[in-house]
Amino acid sequence: MLILTRKIDQSIIIQGNITIMVLGVERDRVKLGIAAPADVAVLREELVTDGSNVSPIRRVAKTNLTPTHGALALKPEQEP
């Protein structure tokens, strides 16, 4: 297991196309934003009971996401 320390609005990138960003920390909870290709299932651990359930419950349309500088959300990047 790799253990990293990140601050709010900092990210890690996995395989060049999956981004995990720390959006906020409140008491004992960490809010994460995950941007991944549509073919990558992203599930909470408690939803995977026997390893056979690998489809996400809800998929949001893929957009480029940027942090809202300290806010607890991501917003789509503005088109130039």
Protein backbone atom coordinates (compact mmCIF):
# COMPACT_ATOMS: atom_id res chain seq x y z
CA MET A 1 0.00 0.00 0.00
CA LEU A 2 1.26 3.45 -0.94
CA ILE A 3 0.53 6.11 1.70
CA LEU A 4 0.59 9.77 0.64
CA THR A 5 -0.05 13.06 2.39
CA ARG A 6 -2.03 15.65 0.43
CA LYS A 7 -3.53 19.03 1.30
CA ILE A 8 -6.85 20.48 0.13
CA ASP A 9 -6.81 21.12 -3.65
CA GLN A 10 -3.85 18.75 -4.14
CA SER A 11 -4.18 15.65 -6.33
CA ILE A 12 -2.68 12.33 -7.21
CA ILE A 13 -2.77 10.91 -10.72
CA ILE A 14 -3.04 7.19 -11.47
CA GLN A 15 -1.97 5.80 -14.86
CA GLY A 16 -2.12 9.29 -16.37
CA ASN A 17 -5.91 9.37 -16.71
CA ILE A 18 -7.38 9.00 -13.20
CA THR A 19 -7.18 12.03 -10.90
CA ILE A 20 -8.02 11.95 -7.21
CA MET A 21 -8.21 15.37 -5.52
CA VAL A 22 -8.67 16.24 -1.85
CA LEU A 23 -11.59 18.68 -1.79
CA GLY A 24 -12.02 19.13 1.92
CA VAL A 25 -11.50 17.79 5.42
CA GLU A 26 -14.11 18.12 8.17
CA ARG A 27 -13.59 16.43 11.55
CA ASP A 28 -13.02 12.76 10.71
CA ARG A 29 -14.13 12.89 7.05
CA VAL A 30 -12.20 13.55 3.87
CA LYS A 31 -14.05 14.67 0.73
CA LEU A 32 -12.45 13.37 -2.47
CA GLY A 33 -13.11 14.20 -6.11
CA ILE A 34 -12.38 11.48 -8.64
CA ALA A 35 -12.11 12.08 -12.39
CA ALA A 36 -11.81 8.87 -14.41
CA PRO A 37 -12.62 7.62 -17.91
CA ALA A 38 -16.14 6.28 -18.44
CA ASP A 39 -14.86 2.70 -18.70
CA VAL A 40 -13.38 2.81 -15.17
CA ALA A 41 -15.79 1.78 -12.40
CA VAL A 42 -15.45 3.87 -9.23
CA LEU A 43 -17.26 2.36 -6.24
CA ARG A 44 -17.30 2.73 -2.49
CA GLU A 45 -15.85 -0.36 -0.84
CA GLU A 46 -19.07 -1.23 0.99
CA LEU A 47 -20.93 -1.56 -2.34
CA VAL A 48 -18.65 -4.35 -3.55
CA THR A 49 -19.66 -7.45 -1.62
CA ASP A 50 -18.23 -10.37 -3.54
CA GLY A 51 -16.17 -8.74 -6.29
CA SER A 52 -18.83 -9.34 -8.95
CA ASN A 53 -20.47 -5.92 -8.68
CA VAL A 54 -18.12 -3.72 -10.68
CA SER A 55 -20.47 -1.24 -12.35
CA PRO A 56 -20.90 2.24 -10.89
CA ILE A 57 -24.31 3.20 -9.51
CA ARG A 58 -24.23 6.59 -11.16
CA ARG A 59 -21.96 7.98 -13.85
CA VAL A 60 -21.67 11.73 -14.42
CA ALA A 61 -20.79 12.97 -17.88
CA LYS A 62 -17.03 13.29 -18.32
CA THR A 63 -15.83 16.88 -17.99
CA ASN A 64 -12.56 18.58 -17.21
CA LEU A 65 -12.66 19.45 -13.52
CA THR A 66 -10.83 22.16 -11.61
CA PRO A 67 -10.79 22.84 -7.89
CA THR A 68 -12.84 25.76 -6.62
CA HIS A 69 -9.89 26.85 -4.43
CA GLY A 70 -10.87 25.64 -1.00
CA ALA A 71 -14.55 25.00 -1.64
CA LEU A 72 -15.88 21.48 -1.21
CA ALA A 73 -16.74 20.89 -4.86
CA LEU A 74 -15.32 20.69 -8.35
CA LYS A 75 -16.61 22.77 -11.22
CA PRO A 76 -16.19 22.29 -14.98
CA GLU A 77 -13.35 24.22 -16.59
CA GLN A 78 -14.39 27.25 -18.60
CA GLU A 79 -14.11 26.84 -22.37
CA PRO A 80 -11.75 29.45 -23.96
